[in-house]
């Protein structure tokens, strides 16, 4: 990307908001309702990235010592989905918190004339209440959730949808994420890959994904997003 970005897009879980604790609570509420053993927070952190359905399936496989393929489509899986939807809807925003300076960064970007958007694999029924609870919803111009479009990250559809809506080319955009999934999404979309080190990334160092910029915190975004040329 030449010059400063005109658009900065963000991931949600592990990037703007630390959500693993409340996701873990909802997962374990579900497992308890199914009379299964709970899973540890460290495992949930490693499973974050592909959306709540994929995470729940991983947790169910772990708790039952079963293969994911065996569980998918079965009665236990269907029962777990119904219970989890209810538990997580109640948990959204209760044990999560925005990362330091998340709101300030979004406000400052807007003041500088930089457009902002969210592209997450989390479903809208969980994403939107979470954003409202943490007063982030009014600071993002566009929100693309895991069920907004037919494809999810690392498919570039969500990023490209935002760029089309803003009328900005990929060469003038950056995506801030915390995982190799986010970096792969940027490569597929042709936008710059900026990664924060405070996220989850399936338990692996994000530097291994080789983002274009490695940020020690969200405040680092402002160092690279000045007034657009």
Protein backbone atom coordinates (compact mmCIF):
# COMPACT_ATOMS: atom_id res chain seq x y z
CA UNK A 1 0.00 0.00 0.00
CA UNK A 2 1.42 3.38 -1.02
CA UNK A 3 0.57 6.31 1.24
CA UNK A 4 -1.74 6.21 4.23
CA UNK A 5 -4.91 4.09 4.23
CA UNK A 6 -8.26 5.60 3.40
CA UNK A 7 -9.99 2.62 5.00
CA UNK A 8 -9.00 0.58 8.06
CA UNK A 9 -10.95 -2.61 8.68
CA UNK A 10 -10.90 -4.53 11.95
CA UNK A 11 -11.46 -8.06 13.19
CA UNK A 12 -13.49 -8.37 16.41
CA UNK A 13 -12.51 -11.25 18.72
CA UNK A 14 -8.94 -10.85 19.92
CA UNK A 15 -8.50 -7.59 18.01
CA UNK A 16 -10.99 -4.99 19.24
CA UNK A 17 -12.51 -6.97 22.11
CA UNK A 18 -11.18 -9.64 24.46
CA UNK A 19 -14.09 -12.07 24.26
CA UNK A 20 -12.62 -15.46 25.20
CA UNK A 21 -13.80 -15.45 28.86
CA UNK A 22 -17.49 -15.01 28.07
CA UNK A 23 -17.33 -17.40 25.11
CA UNK A 24 -15.82 -19.96 27.46
CA UNK A 25 -18.61 -19.36 29.98
CA UNK A 26 -21.26 -19.89 27.29
CA UNK A 27 -19.55 -23.03 26.00
CA UNK A 28 -19.36 -24.49 29.49
CA UNK A 29 -22.97 -23.52 30.23
CA UNK A 30 -23.86 -25.57 27.17
CA UNK A 31 -21.69 -28.54 28.08
CA UNK A 32 -23.07 -28.55 31.62
CA UNK A 33 -26.62 -28.57 30.27
CA UNK A 34 -25.64 -31.62 28.20
CA UNK A 35 -23.98 -33.22 31.26
CA UNK A 36 -20.52 -33.01 29.79
CA UNK A 37 -17.24 -31.88 31.36
CA UNK A 38 -16.26 -28.23 30.91
CA UNK A 39 -13.32 -27.13 28.79
CA UNK A 40 -10.49 -24.81 29.81
CA UNK A 41 -10.23 -21.18 28.77
CA UNK A 42 -6.88 -21.86 27.10
CA UNK A 43 -8.54 -24.31 24.71
CA UNK A 44 -11.32 -21.88 23.87
CA UNK A 45 -8.75 -19.20 23.05
CA UNK A 46 -7.12 -21.58 20.56
CA UNK A 47 -10.47 -22.36 18.93
CA UNK A 48 -11.51 -18.75 18.31
CA UNK A 49 -11.37 -17.52 14.72
CA UNK A 50 -13.74 -19.45 12.49
CA UNK A 51 -17.02 -18.37 14.14
CA UNK A 52 -18.97 -19.66 17.12
CA UNK A 53 -20.41 -22.70 15.35
CA UNK A 54 -16.97 -24.05 14.48
CA UNK A 55 -15.76 -23.28 18.01
CA UNK A 56 -18.71 -25.05 19.62
CA UNK A 57 -18.18 -28.11 17.46
CA UNK A 58 -14.53 -28.23 18.53
CA UNK A 59 -15.56 -27.95 22.18
CA UNK A 60 -18.15 -30.69 21.83
CA UNK A 61 -15.62 -32.98 20.15
CA UNK A 62 -13.13 -32.30 22.93
CA UNK A 63 -15.65 -32.92 25.72
CA UNK A 64 -16.86 -36.21 24.20
CA UNK A 65 -13.50 -37.40 22.82
CA UNK A 66 -15.18 -37.71 19.43
CA UNK A 67 -14.22 -36.78 15.89
CA UNK A 68 -15.73 -33.57 14.55
CA UNK A 69 -16.98 -35.44 11.49
CA UNK A 70 -18.84 -37.92 13.69
CA UNK A 71 -20.58 -35.16 15.64
CA UNK A 72 -21.51 -32.85 12.79
CA UNK A 73 -25.16 -33.24 11.89
CA UNK A 74 -25.93 -35.55 14.82
CA UNK A 75 -28.54 -35.09 17.54
CA UNK A 76 -26.01 -34.04 20.19
CA UNK A 77 -24.65 -31.35 17.89
CA UNK A 78 -28.14 -30.04 17.13
CA UNK A 79 -29.00 -29.91 20.83
CA UNK A 80 -25.75 -28.13 21.62
CA UNK A 81 -26.39 -25.43 19.00
CA UNK A 82 -29.79 -24.57 20.46
CA UNK A 83 -28.47 -24.37 24.01
CA UNK A 84 -25.37 -22.41 23.07
CA UNK A 85 -27.35 -19.79 21.16
CA UNK A 86 -29.37 -19.09 24.29
CA UNK A 87 -26.44 -19.12 26.69
CA UNK A 88 -24.18 -16.94 24.57
CA UNK A 89 -26.95 -14.44 23.86
CA UNK A 90 -27.20 -13.93 27.65
CA UNK A 91 -23.44 -13.83 28.10
CA UNK A 92 -22.60 -11.32 25.34
CA UNK A 93 -20.80 -8.36 26.83
CA UNK A 94 -20.78 -9.69 30.41
CA UNK A 95 -17.18 -10.94 30.71
CA UNK A 96 -15.56 -9.31 27.68
CA UNK A 97 -13.82 -5.96 27.41
CA UNK A 98 -12.46 -3.77 24.65
CA UNK A 99 -8.71 -3.82 24.36
CA UNK A 100 -6.95 -0.64 25.57
CA UNK A 101 -7.71 2.42 23.44
CA UNK A 102 -10.12 0.59 21.12
CA UNK A 103 -12.72 3.37 21.24
CA UNK A 104 -10.12 6.13 21.12
CA UNK A 105 -8.49 4.64 18.02
CA UNK A 106 -11.81 4.40 16.18
CA UNK A 107 -12.74 7.97 17.13
CA UNK A 108 -9.36 9.31 16.06
CA UNK A 109 -9.50 7.52 12.71
CA UNK A 110 -12.88 9.13 12.04
CA UNK A 111 -11.49 12.54 12.97
CA UNK A 112 -8.67 12.00 10.48
CA UNK A 113 -11.11 11.14 7.72
CA UNK A 114 -10.25 7.43 7.65
CA UNK A 115 -13.23 5.12 7.04
CA UNK A 116 -13.65 2.17 9.41
CA UNK A 117 -15.42 -1.18 9.24
CA UNK A 118 -15.62 -4.49 11.06
CA UNK A 119 -15.31 -7.86 9.34
CA UNK A 120 -15.83 -10.79 11.72
CA UNK A 121 -16.73 -14.46 11.48
CA UNK A 122 -18.98 -14.10 14.53
CA UNK A 123 -22.69 -14.27 13.70
CA UNK A 124 -24.68 -11.02 13.76
CA UNK A 125 -26.94 -12.14 16.64
CA UNK A 126 -23.85 -12.12 18.88
CA UNK A 127 -21.77 -9.42 17.20
CA UNK A 128 -24.28 -6.57 17.29
CA UNK A 129 -25.22 -6.87 20.99
CA UNK A 130 -21.53 -7.12 21.86
CA UNK A 131 -20.71 -3.94 19.95
CA UNK A 132 -23.62 -2.11 21.60
CA UNK A 133 -22.65 -3.29 25.07
CA UNK A 134 -19.14 -1.92 24.66
CA UNK A 135 -20.21 1.29 22.88
CA UNK A 136 -18.38 0.41 19.68
CA UNK A 137 -21.35 0.18 17.31
CA UNK A 138 -21.51 3.91 16.62
CA UNK A 139 -17.78 4.09 15.91
CA UNK A 140 -17.79 1.72 12.92
CA UNK A 141 -19.25 2.79 9.61
CA UNK A 142 -19.91 -0.74 8.36
CA UNK A 143 -20.21 -4.16 10.04
CA UNK A 144 -19.93 -7.45 8.16
CA UNK A 145 -20.66 -10.52 10.29
CA UNK A 146 -20.17 -14.21 9.69
CA UNK A 147 -23.72 -14.57 8.39
CA UNK A 148 -23.91 -11.31 6.41
CA UNK A 149 -22.52 -12.87 3.23
CA UNK A 150 -22.38 -16.47 1.95
CA UNK A 151 -18.61 -16.72 2.62
CA UNK A 152 -16.52 -16.05 5.71
CA UNK A 153 -12.88 -15.18 6.29
CA UNK A 154 -10.37 -16.12 4.94
CA UNK A 155 -12.59 -15.59 1.91
CA UNK A 156 -12.12 -11.91 0.98
CA UNK A 157 -15.82 -11.25 0.31
CA UNK A 158 -16.40 -9.26 3.52
CA UNK A 159 -13.40 -7.01 2.96
CA UNK A 160 -14.22 -6.47 -0.70
CA UNK A 161 -17.84 -5.69 0.19
CA UNK A 162 -16.66 -2.87 2.47
CA UNK A 163 -14.23 -1.49 -0.10
CA UNK A 164 -16.96 -1.48 -2.73
CA UNK A 165 -19.35 0.33 -0.37
CA UNK A 166 -16.70 2.96 0.43
CA UNK A 167 -15.51 3.27 -3.16
CA UNK A 168 -11.89 2.73 -2.12
CA UNK A 169 -9.37 0.47 -3.90
CA UNK A 170 -7.65 -2.36 -2.04
CA UNK A 171 -4.31 -0.59 -2.39
CA UNK A 172 -5.59 2.17 -0.05
CA UNK A 173 -6.87 -0.11 2.72
CA UNK A 174 -5.49 -2.02 5.70
CA UNK A 175 -7.02 -4.80 7.78
CA UNK A 176 -6.20 -5.10 11.48
CA UNK A 177 -6.52 -8.60 12.91
CA UNK A 178 -4.98 -10.99 15.40
CA UNK A 179 -4.78 -14.30 13.55
CA UNK A 180 -3.39 -16.13 10.55
CA UNK A 181 -6.99 -16.26 9.32
CA UNK A 182 -7.02 -12.46 9.18
CA UNK A 183 -3.66 -12.31 7.44
CA UNK A 184 -4.84 -14.85 4.86
CA UNK A 185 -7.96 -12.74 4.33
CA UNK A 186 -5.88 -9.66 3.59
CA UNK A 187 -3.73 -11.57 1.12
CA UNK A 188 -6.85 -12.81 -0.66
CA UNK A 189 -8.31 -9.29 -0.75
CA UNK A 190 -5.12 -7.50 -1.72
CA UNK A 191 -5.11 -5.17 1.29
CA UNK A 192 -2.33 -4.50 3.80
CA UNK A 193 -2.11 -6.92 6.73
CA UNK A 194 -1.69 -5.28 10.14
CA UNK A 195 -1.72 -7.58 13.17
CA UNK A 196 -1.94 -6.94 16.91
CA UNK A 197 0.04 -9.15 19.26
CA UNK A 198 -2.55 -9.26 22.05
CA UNK A 199 -5.00 -11.65 20.36
CA UNK A 200 -5.54 -15.39 20.12
CA UNK A 201 -4.28 -16.81 16.78
CA UNK A 202 -4.98 -20.41 17.76
CA UNK A 203 -2.28 -20.19 20.42
CA UNK A 204 0.52 -19.41 17.94
CA UNK A 205 2.63 -16.22 17.67
CA UNK A 206 1.04 -13.93 15.10
CA UNK A 207 4.47 -12.94 13.80
CA UNK A 208 4.68 -16.39 12.19
CA UNK A 209 1.87 -15.34 9.81
CA UNK A 210 4.16 -12.58 8.51
CA UNK A 211 1.79 -9.58 8.54
CA UNK A 212 2.93 -6.38 6.84
CA UNK A 213 2.92 -4.57 10.17
CA UNK A 214 3.09 -6.00 13.68
CA UNK A 215 1.36 -3.79 16.26
CA UNK A 216 1.98 -4.07 20.01
CA UNK A 217 -1.45 -2.60 20.65
CA UNK A 218 -4.31 -0.85 18.91
CA UNK A 219 -2.67 2.53 19.43
CA UNK A 220 -0.13 1.40 16.85
CA UNK A 221 -2.82 1.76 14.19
CA UNK A 222 -2.66 5.53 14.56
CA UNK A 223 1.06 5.58 13.85
CA UNK A 224 0.38 4.29 10.35
CA UNK A 225 -2.97 5.92 9.58
CA UNK A 226 -2.51 9.66 9.34
CA UNK A 227 -4.48 12.03 7.13
CA UNK A 228 -5.12 10.16 3.86
CA UNK A 229 -3.39 11.58 0.82
